[in-house]
PDB file of all heavy atoms in Angstrom:
ATOM      1  N   GLY A   1      -4.365  -0.214  15.511  1.00  0.00           N
ATOM      2  CA  GLY A   1      -3.238  -0.258  16.428  1.00  0.00           C
ATOM      3  C   GLY A   1      -1.951   0.145  15.739  1.00  0.00           C
ATOM      4  O   GLY A   1      -1.848   0.120  14.514  1.00  0.00           O
ATOM      5  N   PRO A   2      -0.940   0.489  16.535  1.00  0.00           N
ATOM      6  CA  PRO A   2       0.310   0.982  15.956  1.00  0.00           C
ATOM      7  C   PRO A   2       1.091  -0.094  15.198  1.00  0.00           C
ATOM      8  O   PRO A   2       1.864   0.216  14.304  1.00  0.00           O
ATOM      9  CB  PRO A   2       1.100   1.478  17.160  1.00  0.00           C
ATOM     10  CG  PRO A   2       0.502   0.787  18.327  1.00  0.00           C
ATOM     11  CD  PRO A   2      -0.937   0.525  17.980  1.00  0.00           C
ATOM     12  N   GLY A   3       0.876  -1.347  15.507  1.00  0.00           N
ATOM     13  CA  GLY A   3       1.598  -2.417  14.833  1.00  0.00           C
ATOM     14  C   GLY A   3       1.067  -2.714  13.448  1.00  0.00           C
ATOM     15  O   GLY A   3       1.821  -3.003  12.524  1.00  0.00           O
ATOM     16  N   LYS A   4      -0.239  -2.650  13.292  1.00  0.00           N
ATOM     17  CA  LYS A   4      -0.868  -2.997  12.013  1.00  0.00           C
ATOM     18  C   LYS A   4      -1.009  -1.803  11.074  1.00  0.00           C
ATOM     19  O   LYS A   4      -1.176  -1.993   9.879  1.00  0.00           O
ATOM     20  CB  LYS A   4      -2.271  -3.586  12.250  1.00  0.00           C
ATOM     21  CG  LYS A   4      -2.293  -4.894  12.947  1.00  0.00           C
ATOM     22  CD  LYS A   4      -2.083  -6.001  11.963  1.00  0.00           C
ATOM     23  CE  LYS A   4      -2.233  -7.333  12.676  1.00  0.00           C
ATOM     24  NZ  LYS A   4      -2.119  -8.442  11.778  1.00  0.00           N
ATOM     25  N   LEU A   5      -0.962  -0.598  11.584  1.00  0.00           N
ATOM     26  CA  LEU A   5      -1.195   0.582  10.752  1.00  0.00           C
ATOM     27  C   LEU A   5      -0.213   0.693   9.578  1.00  0.00           C
ATOM     28  O   LEU A   5      -0.653   0.970   8.460  1.00  0.00           O
ATOM     29  CB  LEU A   5      -1.177   1.847  11.608  1.00  0.00           C
ATOM     30  CG  LEU A   5      -1.820   3.072  10.983  1.00  0.00           C
ATOM     31  CD1 LEU A   5      -3.260   2.798  10.620  1.00  0.00           C
ATOM     32  CD2 LEU A   5      -1.737   4.255  11.921  1.00  0.00           C
ATOM     33  N   PRO A   6       1.082   0.442   9.749  1.00  0.00           N
ATOM     34  CA  PRO A   6       1.974   0.488   8.581  1.00  0.00           C
ATOM     35  C   PRO A   6       1.625  -0.568   7.533  1.00  0.00           C
ATOM     36  O   PRO A   6       1.712  -0.317   6.334  1.00  0.00           O
ATOM     37  CB  PRO A   6       3.366   0.223   9.167  1.00  0.00           C
ATOM     38  CG  PRO A   6       3.253   0.607  10.594  1.00  0.00           C
ATOM     39  CD  PRO A   6       1.849   0.297  10.988  1.00  0.00           C
ATOM     40  N   LEU A   7       1.201  -1.741   7.977  1.00  0.00           N
ATOM     41  CA  LEU A   7       0.807  -2.788   7.034  1.00  0.00           C
ATOM     42  C   LEU A   7      -0.450  -2.394   6.269  1.00  0.00           C
ATOM     43  O   LEU A   7      -0.552  -2.646   5.062  1.00  0.00           O
ATOM     44  CB  LEU A   7       0.571  -4.107   7.776  1.00  0.00           C
ATOM     45  CG  LEU A   7       1.787  -4.717   8.460  1.00  0.00           C
ATOM     46  CD1 LEU A   7       1.388  -5.947   9.276  1.00  0.00           C
ATOM     47  CD2 LEU A   7       2.845  -5.069   7.444  1.00  0.00           C
ATOM     48  N   VAL A   8      -1.382  -1.771   6.949  1.00  0.00           N
ATOM     49  CA  VAL A   8      -2.605  -1.311   6.291  1.00  0.00           C
ATOM     50  C   VAL A   8      -2.264  -0.231   5.270  1.00  0.00           C
ATOM     51  O   VAL A   8      -2.766  -0.239   4.140  1.00  0.00           O
ATOM     52  CB  VAL A   8      -3.631  -0.780   7.339  1.00  0.00           C
ATOM     53  CG1 VAL A   8      -4.793  -0.091   6.660  1.00  0.00           C
ATOM     54  CG2 VAL A   8      -4.113  -1.910   8.222  1.00  0.00           C
ATOM     55  N   GLY A   9      -1.392   0.688   5.628  1.00  0.00           N
ATOM     56  CA  GLY A   9      -0.970   1.742   4.707  1.00  0.00           C
ATOM     57  C   GLY A   9      -0.259   1.180   3.492  1.00  0.00           C
ATOM     58  O   GLY A   9      -0.486   1.614   2.366  1.00  0.00           O
ATOM     59  N   LYS A  10       0.599   0.188   3.725  1.00  0.00           N
ATOM     60  CA  LYS A  10       1.321  -0.445   2.622  1.00  0.00           C
ATOM     61  C   LYS A  10       0.345  -1.148   1.679  1.00  0.00           C
ATOM     62  O   LYS A  10       0.446  -1.026   0.459  1.00  0.00           O
ATOM     63  CB  LYS A  10       2.327  -1.447   3.181  1.00  0.00           C
ATOM     64  CG  LYS A  10       3.182  -2.108   2.147  1.00  0.00           C
ATOM     65  CD  LYS A  10       4.193  -3.050   2.803  1.00  0.00           C
ATOM     66  CE  LYS A  10       5.031  -3.743   1.755  1.00  0.00           C
ATOM     67  NZ  LYS A  10       6.004  -4.661   2.364  1.00  0.00           N
ATOM     68  N   SER A  11      -0.612  -1.853   2.227  1.00  0.00           N
ATOM     69  CA  SER A  11      -1.611  -2.555   1.409  1.00  0.00           C
ATOM     70  C   SER A  11      -2.461  -1.567   0.621  1.00  0.00           C
ATOM     71  O   SER A  11      -2.760  -1.792  -0.557  1.00  0.00           O
ATOM     72  CB  SER A  11      -2.509  -3.418   2.283  1.00  0.00           C
ATOM     73  OG  SER A  11      -1.773  -4.415   2.926  1.00  0.00           O
ATOM     74  N   LEU A  12      -2.845  -0.489   1.268  1.00  0.00           N
ATOM     75  CA  LEU A  12      -3.642   0.532   0.605  1.00  0.00           C
ATOM     76  C   LEU A  12      -2.855   1.176  -0.532  1.00  0.00           C
ATOM     77  O   LEU A  12      -3.377   1.366  -1.634  1.00  0.00           O
ATOM     78  CB  LEU A  12      -4.097   1.590   1.610  1.00  0.00           C
ATOM     79  CG  LEU A  12      -5.000   2.689   1.088  1.00  0.00           C
ATOM     80  CD1 LEU A  12      -6.312   2.091   0.585  1.00  0.00           C
ATOM     81  CD2 LEU A  12      -5.280   3.706   2.174  1.00  0.00           C
ATOM     82  N   GLY A  13      -1.595   1.484  -0.293  1.00  0.00           N
ATOM     83  CA  GLY A  13      -0.748   2.059  -1.327  1.00  0.00           C
ATOM     84  C   GLY A  13      -0.575   1.124  -2.513  1.00  0.00           C
ATOM     85  O   GLY A  13      -0.624   1.542  -3.673  1.00  0.00           O
ATOM     86  N   LYS A  14      -0.392  -0.157  -2.223  1.00  0.00           N
ATOM     87  CA  LYS A  14      -0.246  -1.151  -3.293  1.00  0.00           C
ATOM     88  C   LYS A  14      -1.525  -1.244  -4.117  1.00  0.00           C
ATOM     89  O   LYS A  14      -1.490  -1.315  -5.343  1.00  0.00           O
ATOM     90  CB  LYS A  14       0.097  -2.509  -2.692  1.00  0.00           C
ATOM     91  CG  LYS A  14       0.373  -3.574  -3.709  1.00  0.00           C
ATOM     92  CD  LYS A  14       0.768  -4.886  -3.055  1.00  0.00           C
ATOM     93  CE  LYS A  14       0.986  -5.955  -4.097  1.00  0.00           C
ATOM     94  NZ  LYS A  14       1.320  -7.248  -3.497  1.00  0.00           N
ATOM     95  N   SER A  15      -2.664  -1.211  -3.442  1.00  0.00           N
ATOM     96  CA  SER A  15      -3.946  -1.275  -4.146  1.00  0.00           C
ATOM     97  C   SER A  15      -4.145  -0.064  -5.050  1.00  0.00           C
ATOM     98  O   SER A  15      -4.602  -0.203  -6.189  1.00  0.00           O
ATOM     99  CB  SER A  15      -5.096  -1.349  -3.142  1.00  0.00           C
ATOM    100  OG  SER A  15      -4.991  -2.512  -2.364  1.00  0.00           O
ATOM    101  N   VAL A  16      -3.802   1.101  -4.561  1.00  0.00           N
ATOM    102  CA  VAL A  16      -3.939   2.327  -5.359  1.00  0.00           C
ATOM    103  C   VAL A  16      -3.020   2.272  -6.576  1.00  0.00           C
ATOM    104  O   VAL A  16      -3.421   2.625  -7.684  1.00  0.00           O
ATOM    105  CB  VAL A  16      -3.659   3.581  -4.497  1.00  0.00           C
ATOM    106  CG1 VAL A  16      -3.534   4.824  -5.363  1.00  0.00           C
ATOM    107  CG2 VAL A  16      -4.749   3.759  -3.463  1.00  0.00           C
ATOM    108  N   ARG A  17      -1.777   1.792  -6.379  1.00  0.00           N
ATOM    109  CA  ARG A  17      -0.832   1.665  -7.493  1.00  0.00           C
ATOM    110  C   ARG A  17      -1.359   0.709  -8.554  1.00  0.00           C
ATOM    111  O   ARG A  17      -1.279   0.985  -9.756  1.00  0.00           O
ATOM    112  CB  ARG A  17       0.511   1.158  -6.983  1.00  0.00           C
ATOM    113  CG  ARG A  17       1.597   2.195  -7.031  1.00  0.00           C
ATOM    114  CD  ARG A  17       2.948   1.671  -6.562  1.00  0.00           C
ATOM    115  NE  ARG A  17       2.994   1.716  -5.096  1.00  0.00           N
ATOM    116  CZ  ARG A  17       3.151   0.663  -4.304  1.00  0.00           C
ATOM    117  NH1 ARG A  17       3.335  -0.523  -4.783  1.00  0.00           N
ATOM    118  NH2 ARG A  17       3.150   0.807  -2.997  1.00  0.00           N
ATOM    119  N   GLU A  18      -1.906  -0.437  -8.124  1.00  0.00           N
ATOM    120  CA  GLU A  18      -2.441  -1.413  -9.073  1.00  0.00           C
ATOM    121  C   GLU A  18      -3.648  -0.844  -9.821  1.00  0.00           C
ATOM    122  O   GLU A  18      -3.811  -1.084 -11.013  1.00  0.00           O
ATOM    123  CB  GLU A  18      -2.823  -2.695  -8.348  1.00  0.00           C
ATOM    124  CG  GLU A  18      -1.621  -3.492  -7.880  1.00  0.00           C
ATOM    125  CD  GLU A  18      -2.001  -4.720  -7.075  1.00  0.00           C
ATOM    126  OE1 GLU A  18      -3.206  -4.984  -6.877  1.00  0.00           O
ATOM    127  OE2 GLU A  18      -1.079  -5.426  -6.631  1.00  0.00           O
ATOM    128  N   LEU A  19      -4.486  -0.095  -9.122  1.00  0.00           N
ATOM    129  CA  LEU A  19      -5.646   0.523  -9.755  1.00  0.00           C
ATOM    130  C   LEU A  19      -5.199   1.534 -10.811  1.00  0.00           C
ATOM    131  O   LEU A  19      -5.719   1.545 -11.928  1.00  0.00           O
ATOM    132  CB  LEU A  19      -6.539   1.192  -8.715  1.00  0.00           C
ATOM    133  CG  LEU A  19      -7.768   1.913  -9.252  1.00  0.00           C
ATOM    134  CD1 LEU A  19      -8.718   0.909  -9.895  1.00  0.00           C
ATOM    135  CD2 LEU A  19      -8.466   2.671  -8.155  1.00  0.00           C
ATOM    136  N   LYS A  20      -4.223   2.377 -10.474  1.00  0.00           N
ATOM    137  CA  LYS A  20      -3.703   3.354 -11.432  1.00  0.00           C
ATOM    138  C   LYS A  20      -3.124   2.654 -12.652  1.00  0.00           C
ATOM    139  O   LYS A  20      -3.333   3.077 -13.791  1.00  0.00           O
ATOM    140  CB  LYS A  20      -2.603   4.211 -10.791  1.00  0.00           C
ATOM    141  CG  LYS A  20      -3.091   5.363  -9.979  1.00  0.00           C
ATOM    142  CD  LYS A  20      -1.896   6.169  -9.500  1.00  0.00           C
ATOM    143  CE  LYS A  20      -2.302   7.484  -8.949  1.00  0.00           C
ATOM    144  NZ  LYS A  20      -1.138   8.287  -8.512  1.00  0.00           N
ATOM    145  N   SER A  21      -2.384   1.583 -12.416  1.00  0.00           N
ATOM    146  CA  SER A  21      -1.777   0.836 -13.513  1.00  0.00           C
ATOM    147  C   SER A  21      -2.849   0.251 -14.424  1.00  0.00           C
ATOM    148  O   SER A  21      -2.746   0.323 -15.649  1.00  0.00           O
ATOM    149  CB  SER A  21      -0.895  -0.282 -12.952  1.00  0.00           C
ATOM    150  OG  SER A  21      -0.410  -1.098 -13.978  1.00  0.00           O
ATOM    151  N   ALA A  22      -3.891  -0.314 -13.841  1.00  0.00           N
ATOM    152  CA  ALA A  22      -4.976  -0.902 -14.634  1.00  0.00           C
ATOM    153  C   ALA A  22      -5.704   0.165 -15.447  1.00  0.00           C
ATOM    154  O   ALA A  22      -6.029  -0.047 -16.621  1.00  0.00           O
ATOM    155  CB  ALA A  22      -5.953  -1.631 -13.728  1.00  0.00           C
ATOM    156  N   VAL A  23      -5.938   1.311 -14.844  1.00  0.00           N
ATOM    157  CA  VAL A  23      -6.618   2.396 -15.549  1.00  0.00           C
ATOM    158  C   VAL A  23      -5.761   2.899 -16.707  1.00  0.00           C
ATOM    159  O   VAL A  23      -6.259   3.121 -17.806  1.00  0.00           O
ATOM    160  CB  VAL A  23      -6.961   3.548 -14.576  1.00  0.00           C
ATOM    161  CG1 VAL A  23      -7.388   4.787 -15.325  1.00  0.00           C
ATOM    162  CG2 VAL A  23      -8.050   3.107 -13.611  1.00  0.00           C
ATOM    163  N   THR A  24      -4.462   3.041 -16.472  1.00  0.00           N
ATOM    164  CA  THR A  24      -3.552   3.500 -17.524  1.00  0.00           C
ATOM    165  C   THR A  24      -3.517   2.510 -18.681  1.00  0.00           C
ATOM    166  O   THR A  24      -3.572   2.908 -19.848  1.00  0.00           O
ATOM    167  CB  THR A  24      -2.136   3.697 -16.953  1.00  0.00           C
ATOM    168  OG1 THR A  24      -2.203   4.627 -15.882  1.00  0.00           O
ATOM    169  CG2 THR A  24      -1.182   4.212 -18.009  1.00  0.00           C
ATOM    170  N   GLU A  25      -3.429   1.218 -18.364  1.00  0.00           N
ATOM    171  CA  GLU A  25      -3.428   0.199 -19.409  1.00  0.00           C
ATOM    172  C   GLU A  25      -4.724   0.241 -20.215  1.00  0.00           C
ATOM    173  O   GLU A  25      -4.709   0.118 -21.441  1.00  0.00           O
ATOM    174  CB  GLU A  25      -3.241  -1.190 -18.799  1.00  0.00           C
ATOM    175  CG  GLU A  25      -1.844  -1.458 -18.292  1.00  0.00           C
ATOM    176  CD  GLU A  25      -1.726  -2.806 -17.626  1.00  0.00           C
ATOM    177  OE1 GLU A  25      -2.611  -3.671 -17.826  1.00  0.00           O
ATOM    178  OE2 GLU A  25      -0.746  -3.006 -16.895  1.00  0.00           O
ATOM    179  N   ASP A  26      -5.843   0.421 -19.526  1.00  0.00           N
ATOM    180  CA  ASP A  26      -7.139   0.490 -20.195  1.00  0.00           C
ATOM    181  C   ASP A  26      -7.214   1.704 -21.111  1.00  0.00           C
ATOM    182  O   ASP A  26      -7.714   1.614 -22.235  1.00  0.00           O
ATOM    183  CB  ASP A  26      -8.262   0.519 -19.165  1.00  0.00           C
ATOM    184  CG  ASP A  26      -9.631   0.388 -19.793  1.00  0.00           C
ATOM    185  OD1 ASP A  26      -9.784  -0.481 -20.673  1.00  0.00           O
ATOM    186  OD2 ASP A  26     -10.536   1.154 -19.401  1.00  0.00           O
ATOM    187  N   GLU A  27      -6.715   2.842 -20.643  1.00  0.00           N
ATOM    188  CA  GLU A  27      -6.727   4.056 -21.465  1.00  0.00           C
ATOM    189  C   GLU A  27      -5.861   3.884 -22.702  1.00  0.00           C
ATOM    190  O   GLU A  27      -6.224   4.319 -23.796  1.00  0.00           O
ATOM    191  CB  GLU A  27      -6.252   5.253 -20.639  1.00  0.00           C
ATOM    192  CG  GLU A  27      -7.251   5.726 -19.608  1.00  0.00           C
ATOM    193  CD  GLU A  27      -6.717   6.825 -18.722  1.00  0.00           C
ATOM    194  OE1 GLU A  27      -5.480   7.082 -18.723  1.00  0.00           O
ATOM    195  OE2 GLU A  27      -7.522   7.437 -18.011  1.00  0.00           O
ATOM    196  N   LYS A  28      -4.699   3.236 -22.551  1.00  0.00           N
ATOM    197  CA  LYS A  28      -3.815   3.005 -23.695  1.00  0.00           C
ATOM    198  C   LYS A  28      -4.474   2.076 -24.709  1.00  0.00           C
ATOM    199  O   LYS A  28      -4.402   2.311 -25.915  1.00  0.00           O
ATOM    200  CB  LYS A  28      -2.486   2.411 -23.237  1.00  0.00           C
ATOM    201  CG  LYS A  28      -1.578   3.401 -22.557  1.00  0.00           C
ATOM    202  CD  LYS A  28      -0.277   2.751 -22.131  1.00  0.00           C
ATOM    203  CE  LYS A  28       0.625   3.738 -21.406  1.00  0.00           C
ATOM    204  NZ  LYS A  28       1.877   3.090 -20.966  1.00  0.00           N
ATOM    205  N   ALA A  29      -5.122   1.024 -24.214  1.00  0.00           N
ATOM    206  CA  ALA A  29      -5.798   0.081 -25.107  1.00  0.00           C
ATOM    207  C   ALA A  29      -6.944   0.777 -25.851  1.00  0.00           C
ATOM    208  O   ALA A  29      -7.139   0.556 -27.053  1.00  0.00           O
ATOM    209  CB  ALA A  29      -6.322  -1.108 -24.316  1.00  0.00           C
ATOM    210  N   GLU A  30      -7.677   1.620 -25.152  1.00  0.00           N
ATOM    211  CA  GLU A  30      -8.783   2.348 -25.767  1.00  0.00           C
ATOM    212  C   GLU A  30      -8.266   3.318 -26.835  1.00  0.00           C
ATOM    213  O   GLU A  30      -8.839   3.413 -27.927  1.00  0.00           O
ATOM    214  CB  GLU A  30      -9.565   3.111 -24.706  1.00  0.00           C
ATOM    215  CG  GLU A  30     -10.808   3.776 -25.229  1.00  0.00           C
ATOM    216  CD  GLU A  30     -11.609   4.471 -24.143  1.00  0.00           C
ATOM    217  OE1 GLU A  30     -11.369   4.217 -22.960  1.00  0.00           O
ATOM    218  OE2 GLU A  30     -12.480   5.272 -24.499  1.00  0.00           O
ATOM    219  N   ALA A  31      -7.184   4.016 -26.538  1.00  0.00           N
ATOM    220  CA  ALA A  31      -6.604   4.947 -27.509  1.00  0.00           C
ATOM    221  C   ALA A  31      -6.116   4.199 -28.752  1.00  0.00           C
ATOM    222  O   ALA A  31      -6.274   4.679 -29.881  1.00  0.00           O
ATOM    223  CB  ALA A  31      -5.456   5.720 -26.869  1.00  0.00           C
ATOM    224  N   LYS A  32      -5.547   3.022 -28.547  1.00  0.00           N
ATOM    225  CA  LYS A  32      -5.080   2.211 -29.669  1.00  0.00           C
ATOM    226  C   LYS A  32      -6.255   1.772 -30.545  1.00  0.00           C
ATOM    227  O   LYS A  32      -6.184   1.815 -31.768  1.00  0.00           O
ATOM    228  CB  LYS A  32      -4.325   0.993 -29.142  1.00  0.00           C
ATOM    229  CG  LYS A  32      -3.688   0.159 -30.210  1.00  0.00           C
ATOM    230  CD  LYS A  32      -2.890  -0.984 -29.606  1.00  0.00           C
ATOM    231  CE  LYS A  32      -2.272  -1.850 -30.683  1.00  0.00           C
ATOM    232  NZ  LYS A  32      -1.500  -2.968 -30.113  1.00  0.00           N
ATOM    233  N   GLN A  33      -7.355   1.361 -29.911  1.00  0.00           N
ATOM    234  CA  GLN A  33      -8.543   0.948 -30.659  1.00  0.00           C
ATOM    235  C   GLN A  33      -9.121   2.116 -31.452  1.00  0.00           C
ATOM    236  O   GLN A  33      -9.542   1.959 -32.600  1.00  0.00           O
ATOM    237  CB  GLN A  33      -9.604   0.375 -29.724  1.00  0.00           C
ATOM    238  CG  GLN A  33      -9.251  -0.981 -29.178  1.00  0.00           C
ATOM    239  CD  GLN A  33     -10.287  -1.499 -28.186  1.00  0.00           C
ATOM    240  OE1 GLN A  33     -11.142  -0.749 -27.718  1.00  0.00           O
ATOM    241  NE2 GLN A  33     -10.198  -2.774 -27.862  1.00  0.00           N
ATOM    242  N   ILE A  34      -9.145   3.294 -30.861  1.00  0.00           N
ATOM    243  CA  ILE A  34      -9.659   4.482 -31.551  1.00  0.00           C
ATOM    244  C   ILE A  34      -8.780   4.807 -32.753  1.00  0.00           C
ATOM    245  O   ILE A  34      -9.277   5.112 -33.841  1.00  0.00           O
ATOM    246  CB  ILE A  34      -9.756   5.676 -30.572  1.00  0.00           C
ATOM    247  CG1 ILE A  34     -10.874   5.430 -29.556  1.00  0.00           C
ATOM    248  CG2 ILE A  34      -9.985   6.977 -31.323  1.00  0.00           C
ATOM    249  CD1 ILE A  34     -10.919   6.436 -28.428  1.00  0.00           C
ATOM    250  N   ALA A  35      -7.459   4.728 -32.562  1.00  0.00           N
ATOM    251  CA  ALA A  35      -6.541   5.013 -33.660  1.00  0.00           C
ATOM    252  C   ALA A  35      -6.730   4.015 -34.803  1.00  0.00           C
ATOM    253  O   ALA A  35      -6.728   4.398 -35.981  1.00  0.00           O
ATOM    254  CB  ALA A  35      -5.102   4.978 -33.164  1.00  0.00           C
TER     255      ALA A  35
END
């Protein structure tokens, strides 16, 4: 519905941002361990 769609989009965007952040942190930690 038109009322919930912006909330769903906002939640989806937040989830994607958190996933990207977690992946970036993991990559940095892995690079540090390799170094």
